């Protein structure tokens, strides 16, 4: 079962997200997600197997330019994760479908995402889900 996540699900979401974004603590993600949920431009979904949360997806509306798109707003997949041992069962595809349906209900005609250039498993997932590669970039920063 996939369900829309709300404020009562923040702890579960943060714990799952900390497995994906390991450079962030669950506590930090809890607070970040709380703020994101309050803006009305985002949605989180949780995937359950036998009442156990095994995955999540985060999507939002983007009104700024999104590489390769022509319309606004654009639905954007900010993150998607399924726990080890529950992968290759179509769960990420289910989560993505919920994100896309949410974006359509919110007036989007396009949906986009990104992944790090060396994240081969994410790249393969996106290709398998019929995303078209729009561009490859490497971003740079430096301190002043």
N, C-alpha and C. Protein backbone atom coordinates (compact mmCIF):
# COMPACT_ATOMS: atom_id res chain seq x y z
N UNK A 1 0.83 -1.18 0.00
CA UNK A 1 0.00 0.00 0.00
C UNK A 1 0.88 1.25 0.00
N UNK A 2 0.50 2.23 -0.81
CA UNK A 2 1.14 3.54 -0.80
C UNK A 2 0.15 4.54 -0.24
N UNK A 3 0.61 5.38 0.66
CA UNK A 3 -0.27 6.40 1.22
C UNK A 3 0.41 7.76 1.22
N UNK A 4 -0.40 8.80 1.12
CA UNK A 4 0.11 10.16 1.27
C UNK A 4 0.57 10.33 2.71
N UNK A 5 1.70 10.95 2.88
CA UNK A 5 2.24 11.15 4.22
C UNK A 5 1.91 12.55 4.71
N UNK A 6 1.65 12.64 6.00
CA UNK A 6 1.36 13.93 6.62
C UNK A 6 2.25 14.15 7.83
N UNK A 7 1.92 15.15 8.61
CA UNK A 7 2.76 15.51 9.76
C UNK A 7 2.89 14.36 10.76
N UNK A 8 1.89 13.52 10.85
CA UNK A 8 1.98 12.38 11.77
C UNK A 8 2.98 11.32 11.31
N UNK A 9 3.43 11.44 10.07
CA UNK A 9 4.38 10.47 9.50
C UNK A 9 5.81 11.00 9.45
N UNK A 10 6.03 12.17 10.01
CA UNK A 10 7.35 12.81 9.89
C UNK A 10 8.48 11.94 10.42
N UNK A 11 8.29 11.29 11.54
CA UNK A 11 9.36 10.48 12.12
C UNK A 11 9.71 9.31 11.20
N UNK A 12 8.70 8.64 10.68
CA UNK A 12 8.93 7.51 9.76
C UNK A 12 9.64 8.00 8.51
N UNK A 13 9.17 9.12 7.94
CA UNK A 13 9.80 9.69 6.75
C UNK A 13 11.26 10.04 7.01
N UNK A 14 11.51 10.70 8.12
CA UNK A 14 12.88 11.13 8.44
C UNK A 14 13.81 9.93 8.62
N UNK A 15 13.32 8.88 9.25
CA UNK A 15 14.16 7.68 9.43
C UNK A 15 14.50 7.03 8.09
N UNK A 16 13.52 6.94 7.20
CA UNK A 16 13.78 6.38 5.87
C UNK A 16 14.72 7.29 5.07
N UNK A 17 14.46 8.59 5.13
CA UNK A 17 15.28 9.54 4.36
C UNK A 17 16.73 9.56 4.84
N UNK A 18 16.95 9.32 6.12
CA UNK A 18 18.33 9.29 6.64
C UNK A 18 19.10 8.10 6.06
N UNK A 19 18.39 7.06 5.64
CA UNK A 19 19.05 5.93 4.97
C UNK A 19 19.48 6.31 3.56
N UNK A 20 18.71 7.20 2.93
CA UNK A 20 19.05 7.68 1.58
C UNK A 20 20.10 8.77 1.63
N UNK A 21 19.85 9.79 2.43
CA UNK A 21 20.76 10.94 2.53
C UNK A 21 21.56 10.79 3.82
N UNK A 22 22.58 9.98 3.77
CA UNK A 22 23.32 9.60 4.96
C UNK A 22 24.15 10.72 5.57
N UNK A 23 24.29 11.82 4.86
CA UNK A 23 25.02 12.96 5.41
C UNK A 23 24.09 13.89 6.22
N UNK A 24 22.84 13.47 6.41
CA UNK A 24 21.87 14.20 7.23
C UNK A 24 21.35 13.30 8.33
N UNK A 25 21.10 13.87 9.49
CA UNK A 25 20.53 13.08 10.58
C UNK A 25 19.01 13.01 10.41
N UNK A 26 18.42 11.99 11.01
CA UNK A 26 16.96 11.86 10.98
C UNK A 26 16.32 13.07 11.65
N UNK A 27 16.94 13.58 12.69
CA UNK A 27 16.41 14.76 13.39
C UNK A 27 16.39 15.99 12.47
N UNK A 28 17.49 16.21 11.75
CA UNK A 28 17.55 17.34 10.82
C UNK A 28 16.49 17.19 9.72
N UNK A 29 16.35 15.98 9.20
CA UNK A 29 15.37 15.73 8.14
C UNK A 29 13.95 15.90 8.66
N UNK A 30 13.70 15.50 9.89
CA UNK A 30 12.39 15.69 10.51
C UNK A 30 12.00 17.17 10.46
N UNK A 31 12.91 18.04 10.89
CA UNK A 31 12.63 19.48 10.92
C UNK A 31 12.52 20.05 9.50
N UNK A 32 13.39 19.60 8.60
CA UNK A 32 13.34 20.07 7.22
C UNK A 32 12.02 19.67 6.56
N UNK A 33 11.62 18.42 6.74
CA UNK A 33 10.38 17.94 6.14
C UNK A 33 9.16 18.65 6.73
N UNK A 34 9.21 18.97 8.00
CA UNK A 34 8.12 19.69 8.64
C UNK A 34 7.91 21.04 7.95
N UNK A 35 8.99 21.74 7.69
CA UNK A 35 8.91 23.03 6.98
C UNK A 35 8.41 22.84 5.56
N UNK A 36 8.94 21.83 4.88
CA UNK A 36 8.54 21.58 3.50
C UNK A 36 7.06 21.27 3.41
N UNK A 37 6.56 20.46 4.32
CA UNK A 37 5.13 20.10 4.29
C UNK A 37 4.23 21.32 4.47
N UNK A 38 4.69 22.28 5.22
CA UNK A 38 3.85 23.45 5.51
C UNK A 38 3.74 24.40 4.33
N UNK A 39 4.59 24.25 3.30
CA UNK A 39 4.54 25.20 2.18
C UNK A 39 3.46 24.91 1.15
N UNK A 40 2.86 23.71 1.20
CA UNK A 40 1.78 23.38 0.28
C UNK A 40 2.20 23.08 -1.14
N UNK A 41 3.48 23.05 -1.39
CA UNK A 41 4.00 22.82 -2.73
C UNK A 41 4.67 21.46 -2.86
N UNK A 42 4.56 20.64 -1.83
CA UNK A 42 5.25 19.36 -1.80
C UNK A 42 4.32 18.26 -1.31
N UNK A 43 4.71 17.03 -1.63
CA UNK A 43 3.98 15.88 -1.12
C UNK A 43 4.96 14.74 -0.89
N UNK A 44 4.73 14.02 0.18
CA UNK A 44 5.50 12.82 0.50
C UNK A 44 4.56 11.63 0.42
N UNK A 45 5.11 10.49 0.01
CA UNK A 45 4.36 9.25 -0.03
C UNK A 45 5.17 8.18 0.68
N UNK A 46 4.46 7.28 1.35
CA UNK A 46 5.09 6.15 2.04
C UNK A 46 4.58 4.85 1.45
N UNK A 47 5.49 3.90 1.26
CA UNK A 47 5.13 2.56 0.80
C UNK A 47 5.22 1.62 2.00
N UNK A 48 4.16 0.85 2.19
CA UNK A 48 4.10 -0.11 3.29
C UNK A 48 4.01 -1.53 2.73
N UNK A 49 4.67 -2.45 3.42
CA UNK A 49 4.49 -3.87 3.19
C UNK A 49 4.14 -4.49 4.53
N UNK A 50 2.96 -5.08 4.61
CA UNK A 50 2.49 -5.68 5.87
C UNK A 50 2.63 -4.71 7.04
N UNK A 51 2.13 -3.52 6.87
CA UNK A 51 2.13 -2.47 7.90
C UNK A 51 3.52 -1.96 8.28
N UNK A 52 4.55 -2.34 7.52
CA UNK A 52 5.90 -1.85 7.80
C UNK A 52 6.29 -0.85 6.70
N UNK A 53 6.74 0.36 7.08
CA UNK A 53 7.17 1.33 6.07
C UNK A 53 8.49 0.86 5.44
N UNK A 54 8.49 0.71 4.12
CA UNK A 54 9.67 0.19 3.43
C UNK A 54 10.23 1.16 2.39
N UNK A 55 9.52 2.25 2.13
CA UNK A 55 10.02 3.21 1.15
C UNK A 55 9.26 4.51 1.21
N UNK A 56 9.83 5.52 0.56
CA UNK A 56 9.18 6.82 0.51
C UNK A 56 9.57 7.53 -0.78
N UNK A 57 8.77 8.52 -1.14
CA UNK A 57 9.10 9.43 -2.24
C UNK A 57 8.71 10.83 -1.81
N UNK A 58 9.48 11.78 -2.29
CA UNK A 58 9.21 13.20 -2.04
C UNK A 58 9.14 13.90 -3.39
N UNK A 59 8.04 14.60 -3.63
CA UNK A 59 7.93 15.37 -4.86
C UNK A 59 7.45 16.78 -4.52
N UNK A 60 7.67 17.68 -5.45
CA UNK A 60 7.22 19.05 -5.22
C UNK A 60 6.99 19.74 -6.54
N UNK A 61 6.37 20.90 -6.46
CA UNK A 61 6.16 21.74 -7.63
C UNK A 61 7.34 22.70 -7.73
N UNK A 62 7.91 22.78 -8.90
CA UNK A 62 8.98 23.74 -9.14
C UNK A 62 8.48 24.77 -10.13
N UNK A 63 8.66 26.02 -9.77
CA UNK A 63 8.22 27.13 -10.61
C UNK A 63 9.40 27.79 -11.32
N UNK A 64 10.62 27.49 -10.89
CA UNK A 64 11.81 28.01 -11.55
C UNK A 64 12.10 27.15 -12.77
N UNK A 65 13.09 27.52 -13.55
CA UNK A 65 13.44 26.74 -14.73
C UNK A 65 13.95 25.37 -14.31
N UNK A 66 13.43 24.34 -14.94
CA UNK A 66 13.89 22.98 -14.72
C UNK A 66 14.48 22.50 -16.04
N UNK A 67 15.72 22.07 -15.99
CA UNK A 67 16.46 21.63 -17.18
C UNK A 67 15.63 20.69 -18.04
N UNK A 68 15.49 21.05 -19.33
CA UNK A 68 14.82 20.20 -20.29
C UNK A 68 13.31 20.34 -20.35
N UNK A 69 12.73 21.22 -19.54
CA UNK A 69 11.26 21.36 -19.53
C UNK A 69 10.84 22.65 -20.22
N UNK A 70 9.55 22.71 -20.56
CA UNK A 70 9.02 23.87 -21.27
C UNK A 70 7.85 24.54 -20.56
N UNK A 71 7.33 23.92 -19.50
CA UNK A 71 6.15 24.46 -18.84
C UNK A 71 6.45 24.74 -17.37
N UNK A 72 5.52 25.38 -16.73
CA UNK A 72 5.61 25.61 -15.29
C UNK A 72 4.22 25.58 -14.69
N UNK A 73 4.02 25.07 -13.53
CA UNK A 73 5.03 24.40 -12.71
C UNK A 73 5.37 23.02 -13.26
N UNK A 74 6.47 22.49 -12.77
CA UNK A 74 6.92 21.16 -13.13
C UNK A 74 6.90 20.32 -11.86
N UNK A 75 6.34 19.13 -11.96
CA UNK A 75 6.45 18.18 -10.86
C UNK A 75 7.87 17.67 -10.81
N UNK A 76 8.42 17.58 -9.61
CA UNK A 76 9.83 17.21 -9.49
C UNK A 76 10.01 16.15 -8.42
N UNK A 77 10.69 15.08 -8.78
CA UNK A 77 11.00 14.02 -7.83
C UNK A 77 12.25 14.43 -7.07
N UNK A 78 12.06 14.78 -5.81
CA UNK A 78 13.18 15.24 -4.98
C UNK A 78 13.95 14.08 -4.36
N UNK A 79 13.27 12.98 -4.13
CA UNK A 79 13.93 11.82 -3.54
C UNK A 79 13.01 10.62 -3.57
N UNK A 80 13.61 9.44 -3.72
CA UNK A 80 12.85 8.20 -3.70
C UNK A 80 13.77 7.13 -3.14
N UNK A 81 13.21 6.28 -2.28
CA UNK A 81 14.04 5.29 -1.60
C UNK A 81 13.19 4.09 -1.21
N UNK A 82 13.75 2.90 -1.42
CA UNK A 82 13.16 1.66 -0.94
C UNK A 82 14.26 0.91 -0.20
N UNK A 83 13.93 0.41 0.98
CA UNK A 83 14.90 -0.31 1.81
C UNK A 83 15.46 -1.54 1.09
N UNK A 84 16.72 -1.84 1.41
CA UNK A 84 17.32 -3.10 0.95
C UNK A 84 16.40 -4.24 1.35
N UNK A 85 16.32 -5.25 0.54
CA UNK A 85 15.47 -6.39 0.84
C UNK A 85 14.05 -6.23 0.34
N UNK A 86 13.67 -5.00 -0.04
CA UNK A 86 12.34 -4.74 -0.58
C UNK A 86 12.41 -4.19 -2.00
N UNK A 87 13.60 -4.17 -2.54
CA UNK A 87 13.80 -3.61 -3.87
C UNK A 87 13.46 -4.65 -4.94
N UNK A 88 13.33 -4.17 -6.17
CA UNK A 88 13.01 -5.01 -7.33
C UNK A 88 11.65 -5.70 -7.19
N UNK A 89 10.73 -5.02 -6.51
CA UNK A 89 9.36 -5.52 -6.38
C UNK A 89 8.36 -4.53 -6.99
N UNK A 90 8.87 -3.48 -7.63
CA UNK A 90 7.99 -2.48 -8.22
C UNK A 90 7.55 -1.39 -7.27
N UNK A 91 8.11 -1.37 -6.05
CA UNK A 91 7.68 -0.39 -5.05
C UNK A 91 8.06 1.04 -5.44
N UNK A 92 9.26 1.23 -5.97
CA UNK A 92 9.66 2.57 -6.40
C UNK A 92 8.79 3.05 -7.55
N UNK A 93 8.42 2.14 -8.43
CA UNK A 93 7.53 2.49 -9.53
C UNK A 93 6.17 2.94 -9.01
N UNK A 94 5.64 2.26 -7.98
CA UNK A 94 4.38 2.66 -7.36
C UNK A 94 4.49 4.05 -6.74
N UNK A 95 5.59 4.29 -6.02
CA UNK A 95 5.79 5.59 -5.40
C UNK A 95 5.87 6.70 -6.46
N UNK A 96 6.62 6.43 -7.52
CA UNK A 96 6.74 7.41 -8.60
C UNK A 96 5.39 7.69 -9.23
N UNK A 97 4.59 6.66 -9.45
CA UNK A 97 3.26 6.85 -10.05
C UNK A 97 2.41 7.76 -9.18
N UNK A 98 2.50 7.62 -7.86
CA UNK A 98 1.75 8.51 -6.96
C UNK A 98 2.24 9.95 -7.09
N UNK A 99 3.54 10.12 -7.19
CA UNK A 99 4.10 11.48 -7.36
C UNK A 99 3.63 12.10 -8.67
N UNK A 100 3.65 11.32 -9.74
CA UNK A 100 3.22 11.84 -11.03
C UNK A 100 1.73 12.21 -11.02
N UNK A 101 0.92 11.36 -10.40
CA UNK A 101 -0.52 11.65 -10.31
C UNK A 101 -0.76 12.92 -9.49
N UNK A 102 -0.02 13.08 -8.40
CA UNK A 102 -0.13 14.28 -7.58
C UNK A 102 0.25 15.52 -8.41
N UNK A 103 1.34 15.42 -9.18
CA UNK A 103 1.77 16.55 -10.01
C UNK A 103 0.69 16.91 -11.03
N UNK A 104 0.09 15.92 -11.66
CA UNK A 104 -0.98 16.18 -12.63
C UNK A 104 -2.15 16.89 -11.96
N UNK A 105 -2.54 16.42 -10.78
CA UNK A 105 -3.65 17.06 -10.06
C UNK A 105 -3.33 18.51 -9.70
N UNK A 106 -2.04 18.84 -9.66
CA UNK A 106 -1.62 20.19 -9.31
C UNK A 106 -1.23 21.01 -10.54
N UNK A 107 -1.72 20.61 -11.70
CA UNK A 107 -1.57 21.41 -12.91
C UNK A 107 -0.29 21.21 -13.70
N UNK A 108 0.48 20.19 -13.40
CA UNK A 108 1.73 19.96 -14.13
C UNK A 108 1.48 19.16 -15.40
N UNK A 109 2.21 19.54 -16.43
CA UNK A 109 2.20 18.80 -17.69
C UNK A 109 3.52 18.08 -17.92
N UNK A 110 4.50 18.34 -17.05
CA UNK A 110 5.80 17.69 -17.14
C UNK A 110 6.24 17.28 -15.74
N UNK A 111 7.11 16.29 -15.72
CA UNK A 111 7.65 15.78 -14.47
C UNK A 111 9.14 15.57 -14.68
N UNK A 112 9.95 15.94 -13.71
CA UNK A 112 11.40 15.87 -13.87
C UNK A 112 12.06 15.33 -12.61
N UNK A 113 13.34 15.07 -12.71
CA UNK A 113 14.12 14.54 -11.61
C UNK A 113 15.59 14.75 -11.93
N UNK A 114 16.45 14.33 -11.03
CA UNK A 114 17.88 14.35 -11.29
C UNK A 114 18.54 13.26 -10.47
N UNK A 115 19.79 13.01 -10.76
CA UNK A 115 20.59 12.11 -9.93
C UNK A 115 22.05 12.53 -10.08
N UNK A 116 22.84 12.13 -9.13
CA UNK A 116 24.26 12.44 -9.21
C UNK A 116 24.86 11.68 -10.38
N UNK A 117 25.84 12.28 -11.02
CA UNK A 117 26.38 11.77 -12.26
C UNK A 117 26.97 10.36 -12.13
N UNK A 118 27.42 10.00 -10.93
CA UNK A 118 28.02 8.68 -10.75
C UNK A 118 27.09 7.67 -10.07
N UNK A 119 25.81 8.03 -9.91
CA UNK A 119 24.84 7.15 -9.28
C UNK A 119 24.18 6.28 -10.35
N UNK A 120 24.84 5.18 -10.68
CA UNK A 120 24.40 4.32 -11.78
C UNK A 120 23.04 3.69 -11.48
N UNK A 121 22.79 3.26 -10.25
CA UNK A 121 21.50 2.62 -9.96
C UNK A 121 20.36 3.62 -10.10
N UNK A 122 20.56 4.86 -9.69
CA UNK A 122 19.53 5.88 -9.87
C UNK A 122 19.32 6.18 -11.35
N UNK A 123 20.41 6.26 -12.09
CA UNK A 123 20.31 6.50 -13.53
C UNK A 123 19.49 5.39 -14.19
N UNK A 124 19.78 4.15 -13.86
CA UNK A 124 19.05 3.01 -14.44
C UNK A 124 17.57 3.05 -14.05
N UNK A 125 17.28 3.41 -12.80
CA UNK A 125 15.89 3.54 -12.37
C UNK A 125 15.17 4.57 -13.23
N UNK A 126 15.76 5.75 -13.39
CA UNK A 126 15.12 6.81 -14.16
C UNK A 126 14.87 6.36 -15.60
N UNK A 127 15.85 5.72 -16.20
CA UNK A 127 15.67 5.24 -17.58
C UNK A 127 14.56 4.19 -17.64
N UNK A 128 14.52 3.29 -16.67
CA UNK A 128 13.48 2.25 -16.65
C UNK A 128 12.09 2.84 -16.45
N UNK A 129 12.01 4.01 -15.83
CA UNK A 129 10.73 4.68 -15.59
C UNK A 129 10.39 5.66 -16.71
N UNK A 130 11.08 5.55 -17.83
CA UNK A 130 10.81 6.33 -19.05
C UNK A 130 11.16 7.81 -18.95
N UNK A 131 12.06 8.17 -18.05
CA UNK A 131 12.60 9.52 -18.07
C UNK A 131 13.55 9.64 -19.26
N UNK A 132 13.63 10.82 -19.84
CA UNK A 132 14.57 11.11 -20.91
C UNK A 132 15.67 11.99 -20.34
N UNK A 133 16.90 11.61 -20.58
CA UNK A 133 18.01 12.42 -20.08
C UNK A 133 18.01 13.76 -20.80
N UNK A 134 18.03 14.85 -20.03
CA UNK A 134 17.97 16.19 -20.60
C UNK A 134 19.36 16.81 -20.73
N UNK A 135 20.26 16.50 -19.81
CA UNK A 135 21.56 17.14 -19.80
C UNK A 135 22.42 16.47 -18.75
N UNK A 136 23.71 16.65 -18.85
CA UNK A 136 24.64 16.24 -17.80
C UNK A 136 25.46 17.45 -17.42
N UNK A 137 25.54 17.70 -16.12
CA UNK A 137 26.31 18.84 -15.66
C UNK A 137 27.14 18.44 -14.45
N UNK A 138 28.19 19.17 -14.26
CA UNK A 138 28.98 19.08 -13.05
C UNK A 138 29.01 20.48 -12.45
N UNK A 139 28.63 20.60 -11.22
CA UNK A 139 28.56 21.91 -10.57
C UNK A 139 29.83 22.13 -9.74
N UNK A 140 30.26 23.38 -9.69
CA UNK A 140 31.47 23.74 -8.95
C UNK A 140 31.15 24.81 -7.92
N UNK A 141 31.89 24.84 -6.83
CA UNK A 141 31.81 25.93 -5.87
C UNK A 141 33.20 26.24 -5.37
N UNK A 142 33.34 27.41 -4.79
CA UNK A 142 34.57 27.73 -4.06
C UNK A 142 34.24 28.79 -3.03
N UNK A 143 35.01 28.81 -1.98
CA UNK A 143 34.82 29.80 -0.91
C UNK A 143 35.51 31.09 -1.30
N UNK A 144 34.90 32.17 -0.93
CA UNK A 144 35.49 33.50 -1.18
C UNK A 144 35.97 34.10 0.13
